[in-house]
Amino acid sequence: MQGIDVSHYQGRIDWPLLPGQGVDFAYIKATEGGDYRDDRFAANWQGAGQAGIARGAYHFFTLCRSGADQAANFIATVPLDAAMLSPVVDLEAGGNCAGRPSRAAFLAEVTTFIQRVEARFGKPVTLYLTREFDTDYAVSANIPRRLWLRRLILEPGWGARPWSIWQASSFRRLRGVPGRVDWNVARP
């Protein structure tokens, strides 16, 4: 299966054009930190659903807010939907807070986030990771969840276990999506 991940950065998306271009699924940014909500989330969620594209929501985890605050933000934003894909927590250093907590402190906060989100949605959280972040915090070795690994063009050969989703491109172009979009491959 192949798909995209999107946020407000893509602007208005013409969702009905995407299934014919090989888009089987879409992950849509819902939230970031304890109070940010992506202003295109609701429109993208509805558009993907109406186009018949399997959809899931993701949260960009910041290092400067508690896991409880961030889970509350995600839970308040994403509707309950039995058909939705596994929720995703996006873990990367780029664009994150300047302060870096210890590994133990981070793992405790992200575990709180995961537990609360899984309790709400009844599905295991998938971990989106960059290699740099996994090296710093050993997430894949310490949290036994499915991995969504980012490595452009070449298949990722890192992480404590094989990837379930691979972000292979950040420069795909599709009719109906202004500009570039991330392209992902999911194992069956």
C-alpha atoms as a PDB file:
ATOM      1  CA  MET A   1       0.000   0.000   0.000  1.00  0.00           C
ATOM      2  CA  GLN A   2       1.141   3.525  -0.700  1.00  0.00           C
ATOM      3  CA  GLY A   3       0.016   6.860   0.604  1.00  0.00           C
ATOM      4  CA  ILE A   4       0.706  10.402   1.706  1.00  0.00           C
ATOM      5  CA  ASP A   5       0.991  12.420   4.878  1.00  0.00           C
ATOM      6  CA  VAL A   6      -0.306  15.977   4.811  1.00  0.00           C
ATOM      7  CA  SER A   7      -0.831  19.081   6.905  1.00  0.00           C
ATOM      8  CA  HIS A   8      -1.817  22.698   6.341  1.00  0.00           C
ATOM      9  CA  TYR A   9       1.443  23.109   4.407  1.00  0.00           C
ATOM     10  CA  GLN A  10      -0.134  21.405   1.389  1.00  0.00           C
ATOM     11  CA  GLY A  11      -3.016  23.884   1.293  1.00  0.00           C
ATOM     12  CA  ARG A  12      -6.363  22.893  -0.172  1.00  0.00           C
ATOM     13  CA  ILE A  13      -6.270  19.318  -1.519  1.00  0.00           C
ATOM     14  CA  ASP A  14      -8.580  18.004  -4.240  1.00  0.00           C
ATOM     15  CA  TRP A  15      -9.042  14.591  -2.593  1.00  0.00           C
ATOM     16  CA  PRO A  16     -11.151  12.884  -5.323  1.00  0.00           C
ATOM     17  CA  LEU A  17      -8.158  13.123  -7.706  1.00  0.00           C
ATOM     18  CA  LEU A  18      -5.844  11.111  -5.439  1.00  0.00           C
ATOM     19  CA  PRO A  19      -7.115   7.487  -5.480  1.00  0.00           C
ATOM     20  CA  GLY A  20      -6.493   7.246  -9.235  1.00  0.00           C
ATOM     21  CA  GLN A  21      -2.842   8.193  -8.627  1.00  0.00           C
ATOM     22  CA  GLY A  22      -2.121   5.317  -6.253  1.00  0.00           C
ATOM     23  CA  VAL A  23      -2.999   6.965  -2.931  1.00  0.00           C
ATOM     24  CA  ASP A  24      -4.334   4.120  -0.779  1.00  0.00           C
ATOM     25  CA  PHE A  25      -4.030   5.915   2.566  1.00  0.00           C
ATOM     26  CA  ALA A  26      -3.429   9.345   4.060  1.00  0.00           C
ATOM     27  CA  TYR A  27      -2.094  10.422   7.418  1.00  0.00           C
ATOM     28  CA  ILE A  28      -3.338  13.877   8.318  1.00  0.00           C
ATOM     29  CA  LYS A  29      -1.737  16.200  10.850  1.00  0.00           C
ATOM     30  CA  ALA A  30      -4.169  16.930  13.647  1.00  0.00           C
ATOM     31  CA  THR A  31      -2.151  18.520  16.433  1.00  0.00           C
ATOM     32  CA  GLU A  32       1.202  19.630  17.777  1.00  0.00           C
ATOM     33  CA  GLY A  33       2.214  20.133  21.373  1.00  0.00           C
ATOM     34  CA  GLY A  34      -0.398  20.945  23.971  1.00  0.00           C
ATOM     35  CA  ASP A  35      -2.502  23.498  22.149  1.00  0.00           C
ATOM     36  CA  TYR A  36      -1.822  23.706  18.395  1.00  0.00           C
ATOM     37  CA  ARG A  37      -4.458  22.286  16.047  1.00  0.00           C
ATOM     38  CA  ASP A  38      -3.778  22.111  12.317  1.00  0.00           C
ATOM     39  CA  ASP A  39      -6.279  24.426  10.653  1.00  0.00           C
ATOM     40  CA  ARG A  40      -6.697  22.074   7.656  1.00  0.00           C
ATOM     41  CA  PHE A  41      -7.282  18.936   9.714  1.00  0.00           C
ATOM     42  CA  ALA A  42     -11.093  18.896   9.608  1.00  0.00           C
ATOM     43  CA  ALA A  43     -11.248  19.619   5.865  1.00  0.00           C
ATOM     44  CA  ASN A  44      -8.542  17.045   5.083  1.00  0.00           C
ATOM     45  CA  TRP A  45     -10.163  14.425   7.323  1.00  0.00           C
ATOM     46  CA  GLN A  46     -13.513  14.894   5.631  1.00  0.00           C
ATOM     47  CA  GLY A  47     -12.026  15.054   2.130  1.00  0.00           C
ATOM     48  CA  ALA A  48      -9.995  11.865   2.512  1.00  0.00           C
ATOM     49  CA  GLY A  49     -13.016  10.022   3.895  1.00  0.00           C
ATOM     50  CA  GLN A  50     -15.314  11.178   1.103  1.00  0.00           C
ATOM     51  CA  ALA A  51     -12.709  10.116  -1.485  1.00  0.00           C
ATOM     52  CA  GLY A  52     -12.623   6.593   0.004  1.00  0.00           C
ATOM     53  CA  ILE A  53      -9.020   6.900   1.156  1.00  0.00           C
ATOM     54  CA  ALA A  54      -8.075   5.079   4.370  1.00  0.00           C
ATOM     55  CA  ARG A  55      -7.175   7.810   6.852  1.00  0.00           C
ATOM     56  CA  GLY A  56      -5.335   8.286  10.084  1.00  0.00           C
ATOM     57  CA  ALA A  57      -4.295  11.233  12.226  1.00  0.00           C
ATOM     58  CA  TYR A  58      -0.888  12.206  13.565  1.00  0.00           C
ATOM     59  CA  HIS A  59       0.431  14.374  16.365  1.00  0.00           C
ATOM     60  CA  PHE A  60       3.793  16.196  16.344  1.00  0.00           C
ATOM     61  CA  PHE A  61       5.204  15.587  19.832  1.00  0.00           C
ATOM     62  CA  THR A  62       7.049  18.548  21.320  1.00  0.00           C
ATOM     63  CA  LEU A  63       9.747  18.205  23.929  1.00  0.00           C
ATOM     64  CA  CYS A  64       8.534  21.223  25.914  1.00  0.00           C
ATOM     65  CA  ARG A  65       5.021  20.063  26.907  1.00  0.00           C
ATOM     66  CA  SER A  66       3.850  17.148  29.006  1.00  0.00           C
ATOM     67  CA  GLY A  67       2.630  13.964  27.379  1.00  0.00           C
ATOM     68  CA  ALA A  68      -0.698  14.382  29.219  1.00  0.00           C
ATOM     69  CA  ASP A  69      -1.266  17.877  27.751  1.00  0.00           C
ATOM     70  CA  GLN A  70      -0.398  16.659  24.264  1.00  0.00           C
ATOM     71  CA  ALA A  71      -2.666  13.604  24.503  1.00  0.00           C
ATOM     72  CA  ALA A  72      -5.551  15.828  25.648  1.00  0.00           C
ATOM     73  CA  ASN A  73      -5.024  18.083  22.619  1.00  0.00           C
ATOM     74  CA  PHE A  74      -4.999  15.138  20.186  1.00  0.00           C
ATOM     75  CA  ILE A  75      -8.017  13.458  21.812  1.00  0.00           C
ATOM     76  CA  ALA A  76     -10.027  16.688  21.713  1.00  0.00           C
ATOM     77  CA  THR A  77      -9.254  17.194  18.008  1.00  0.00           C
ATOM     78  CA  VAL A  78      -9.529  13.758  16.369  1.00  0.00           C
ATOM     79  CA  PRO A  79     -13.014  12.226  16.074  1.00  0.00           C
ATOM     80  CA  LEU A  80     -13.629   8.642  17.161  1.00  0.00           C
ATOM     81  CA  ASP A  81     -13.832   6.529  14.015  1.00  0.00           C
ATOM     82  CA  ALA A  82     -13.626   2.741  14.159  1.00  0.00           C
ATOM     83  CA  ALA A  83     -12.309   2.648  10.578  1.00  0.00           C
ATOM     84  CA  MET A  84      -9.421   5.075  11.164  1.00  0.00           C
ATOM     85  CA  LEU A  85      -5.832   3.909  10.835  1.00  0.00           C
ATOM     86  CA  SER A  86      -3.626   3.614  13.901  1.00  0.00           C
ATOM     87  CA  PRO A  87      -2.913   7.011  15.501  1.00  0.00           C
ATOM     88  CA  VAL A  88       0.649   8.241  14.984  1.00  0.00           C
ATOM     89  CA  VAL A  89       3.017  10.192  17.201  1.00  0.00           C
ATOM     90  CA  ASP A  90       5.607  12.101  15.146  1.00  0.00           C
ATOM     91  CA  LEU A  91       8.981  12.100  16.935  1.00  0.00           C
ATOM     92  CA  GLU A  92      11.691  14.238  15.403  1.00  0.00           C
ATOM     93  CA  ALA A  93      14.172  16.886  16.483  1.00  0.00           C
ATOM     94  CA  GLY A  94      13.695  19.219  13.524  1.00  0.00           C
ATOM     95  CA  GLY A  95      11.220  21.967  14.352  1.00  0.00           C
ATOM     96  CA  ASN A  96      11.100  20.928  17.988  1.00  0.00           C
ATOM     97  CA  CYS A  97      11.823  22.797  21.220  1.00  0.00           C
ATOM     98  CA  ALA A  98      15.413  23.836  21.833  1.00  0.00           C
ATOM     99  CA  GLY A  99      15.516  22.218  25.270  1.00  0.00           C
ATOM    100  CA  ARG A 100      16.222  18.501  25.266  1.00  0.00           C
ATOM    101  CA  PRO A 101      15.002  16.417  28.207  1.00  0.00           C
ATOM    102  CA  SER A 102      16.872  13.363  29.405  1.00  0.00           C
ATOM    103  CA  ARG A 103      16.082  10.052  27.721  1.00  0.00           C
ATOM    104  CA  ALA A 104      14.251   8.801  30.837  1.00  0.00           C
ATOM    105  CA  ALA A 105      12.163  11.977  31.135  1.00  0.00           C
ATOM    106  CA  PHE A 106      11.240  11.908  27.436  1.00  0.00           C
ATOM    107  CA  LEU A 107      10.323   8.215  27.461  1.00  0.00           C
ATOM    108  CA  ALA A 108       8.074   8.775  30.491  1.00  0.00           C
ATOM    109  CA  GLU A 109       6.238  11.666  28.785  1.00  0.00           C
ATOM    110  CA  VAL A 110       5.775   9.941  25.442  1.00  0.00           C
ATOM    111  CA  THR A 111       4.583   6.779  27.232  1.00  0.00           C
ATOM    112  CA  THR A 112       1.908   8.845  28.988  1.00  0.00           C
ATOM    113  CA  PHE A 113       0.836  10.220  25.602  1.00  0.00           C
ATOM    114  CA  ILE A 114       0.707   6.743  24.063  1.00  0.00           C
ATOM    115  CA  GLN A 115      -1.277   5.199  26.929  1.00  0.00           C
ATOM    116  CA  ARG A 116      -3.927   7.926  26.868  1.00  0.00           C
ATOM    117  CA  VAL A 117      -4.300   7.952  23.093  1.00  0.00           C
ATOM    118  CA  GLU A 118      -4.527   4.152  22.915  1.00  0.00           C
ATOM    119  CA  ALA A 119      -7.146   4.122  25.689  1.00  0.00           C
ATOM    120  CA  ARG A 120      -9.257   6.634  23.755  1.00  0.00           C
ATOM    121  CA  PHE A 121      -9.005   5.171  20.254  1.00  0.00           C
ATOM    122  CA  GLY A 122      -8.582   1.475  21.063  1.00  0.00           C
ATOM    123  CA  LYS A 123      -5.694   1.091  18.612  1.00  0.00           C
ATOM    124  CA  PRO A 124      -1.932   0.889  19.180  1.00  0.00           C
ATOM    125  CA  VAL A 125      -0.020   4.065  18.375  1.00  0.00           C
ATOM    126  CA  THR A 126       2.523   3.961  15.546  1.00  0.00           C
ATOM    127  CA  LEU A 127       5.856   5.717  16.125  1.00  0.00           C
ATOM    128  CA  TYR A 128       7.071   8.021  13.333  1.00  0.00           C
ATOM    129  CA  LEU A 129      10.832   8.396  13.766  1.00  0.00           C
ATOM    130  CA  THR A 130      13.806  10.064  12.201  1.00  0.00           C
ATOM    131  CA  ARG A 131      17.136   8.321  12.627  1.00  0.00           C
ATOM    132  CA  GLU A 132      18.563  11.257  14.595  1.00  0.00           C
ATOM    133  CA  PHE A 133      15.707  11.180  17.100  1.00  0.00           C
ATOM    134  CA  ASP A 134      15.890   7.417  17.537  1.00  0.00           C
ATOM    135  CA  THR A 135      19.647   7.631  18.094  1.00  0.00           C
ATOM    136  CA  ASP A 136      19.187  10.296  20.781  1.00  0.00           C
ATOM    137  CA  TYR A 137      16.242   8.702  22.613  1.00  0.00           C
ATOM    138  CA  ALA A 138      16.351   4.971  21.691  1.00  0.00           C
ATOM    139  CA  VAL A 139      12.602   5.044  21.106  1.00  0.00           C
ATOM    140  CA  SER A 140      12.393   1.972  18.881  1.00  0.00           C
ATOM    141  CA  ALA A 141      14.363  -0.099  21.412  1.00  0.00           C
ATOM    142  CA  ASN A 142      12.281   1.030  24.394  1.00  0.00           C
ATOM    143  CA  ILE A 143       8.714   1.304  23.094  1.00  0.00           C
ATOM    144  CA  PRO A 144       7.371  -1.827  21.392  1.00  0.00           C
ATOM    145  CA  ARG A 145       5.104  -0.303  18.755  1.00  0.00           C
ATOM    146  CA  ARG A 146       4.951  -0.309  14.959  1.00  0.00           C
ATOM    147  CA  LEU A 147       7.592   1.896  13.346  1.00  0.00           C
ATOM    148  CA  TRP A 148       7.162   4.487  10.613  1.00  0.00           C
ATOM    149  CA  LEU A 149      10.720   5.329   9.619  1.00  0.00           C
ATOM    150  CA  ARG A 150      11.878   8.271   7.530  1.00  0.00           C
ATOM    151  CA  ARG A 151      14.675   7.766   5.048  1.00  0.00           C
ATOM    152  CA  LEU A 152      14.404   9.379   1.666  1.00  0.00           C
ATOM    153  CA  ILE A 153      14.884   7.177  -1.406  1.00  0.00           C
ATOM    154  CA  LEU A 154      16.815   4.357   0.307  1.00  0.00           C
ATOM    155  CA  GLU A 155      15.038   1.858   2.537  1.00  0.00           C
ATOM    156  CA  PRO A 156      15.773   2.463   6.236  1.00  0.00           C
ATOM    157  CA  GLY A 157      18.146  -0.081   7.726  1.00  0.00           C
ATOM    158  CA  TRP A 158      17.938   1.212  11.292  1.00  0.00           C
ATOM    159  CA  GLY A 159      15.474   0.906  14.154  1.00  0.00           C
ATOM    160  CA  ALA A 160      15.076  -1.895  16.660  1.00  0.00           C
ATOM    161  CA  ARG A 161      12.764  -3.825  14.319  1.00  0.00           C
ATOM    162  CA  PRO A 162      11.624  -3.621  10.680  1.00  0.00           C
ATOM    163  CA  TRP A 163       9.512  -0.686   9.563  1.00  0.00           C
ATOM    164  CA  SER A 164       5.770  -0.969   9.087  1.00  0.00           C
ATOM    165  CA  ILE A 165       5.615   2.317   7.158  1.00  0.00           C
ATOM    166  CA  TRP A 166       8.488   3.918   5.289  1.00  0.00           C
ATOM    167  CA  GLN A 167       8.506   7.596   4.331  1.00  0.00           C
ATOM    168  CA  ALA A 168      10.444   7.285   1.094  1.00  0.00           C
ATOM    169  CA  SER A 169      10.015  10.730  -0.465  1.00  0.00           C
ATOM    170  CA  SER A 170       9.310  14.303   0.540  1.00  0.00           C
ATOM    171  CA  PHE A 171       9.032  15.605  -3.003  1.00  0.00           C
ATOM    172  CA  ARG A 172       6.253  13.650  -4.714  1.00  0.00           C
ATOM    173  CA  ARG A 173       3.931  15.656  -6.945  1.00  0.00           C
ATOM    174  CA  LEU A 174       0.292  14.679  -7.422  1.00  0.00           C
ATOM    175  CA  ARG A 175      -2.554  16.287  -9.315  1.00  0.00           C
ATOM    176  CA  GLY A 176      -4.814  17.855  -6.711  1.00  0.00           C
ATOM    177  CA  VAL A 177      -2.053  18.633  -4.192  1.00  0.00           C
ATOM    178  CA  PRO A 178      -0.407  22.055  -4.449  1.00  0.00           C
ATOM    179  CA  GLY A 179       3.382  21.680  -4.252  1.00  0.00           C
ATOM    180  CA  ARG A 180       5.206  18.642  -2.938  1.00  0.00           C
ATOM    181  CA  VAL A 181       3.890  15.916  -0.676  1.00  0.00           C
ATOM    182  CA  ASP A 182       5.465  13.127   1.398  1.00  0.00           C
ATOM    183  CA  TRP A 183       5.123   9.640  -0.126  1.00  0.00           C
ATOM    184  CA  ASN A 184       4.969   6.543   2.072  1.00  0.00           C
ATOM    185  CA  VAL A 185       4.946   2.785   1.644  1.00  0.00           C
ATOM    186  CA  ALA A 186       3.158   0.502   4.137  1.00  0.00           C
ATOM    187  CA  ARG A 187       3.731  -3.193   4.602  1.00  0.00           C
ATOM    188  CA  PRO A 188       0.535  -5.254   4.340  1.00  0.00           C
END
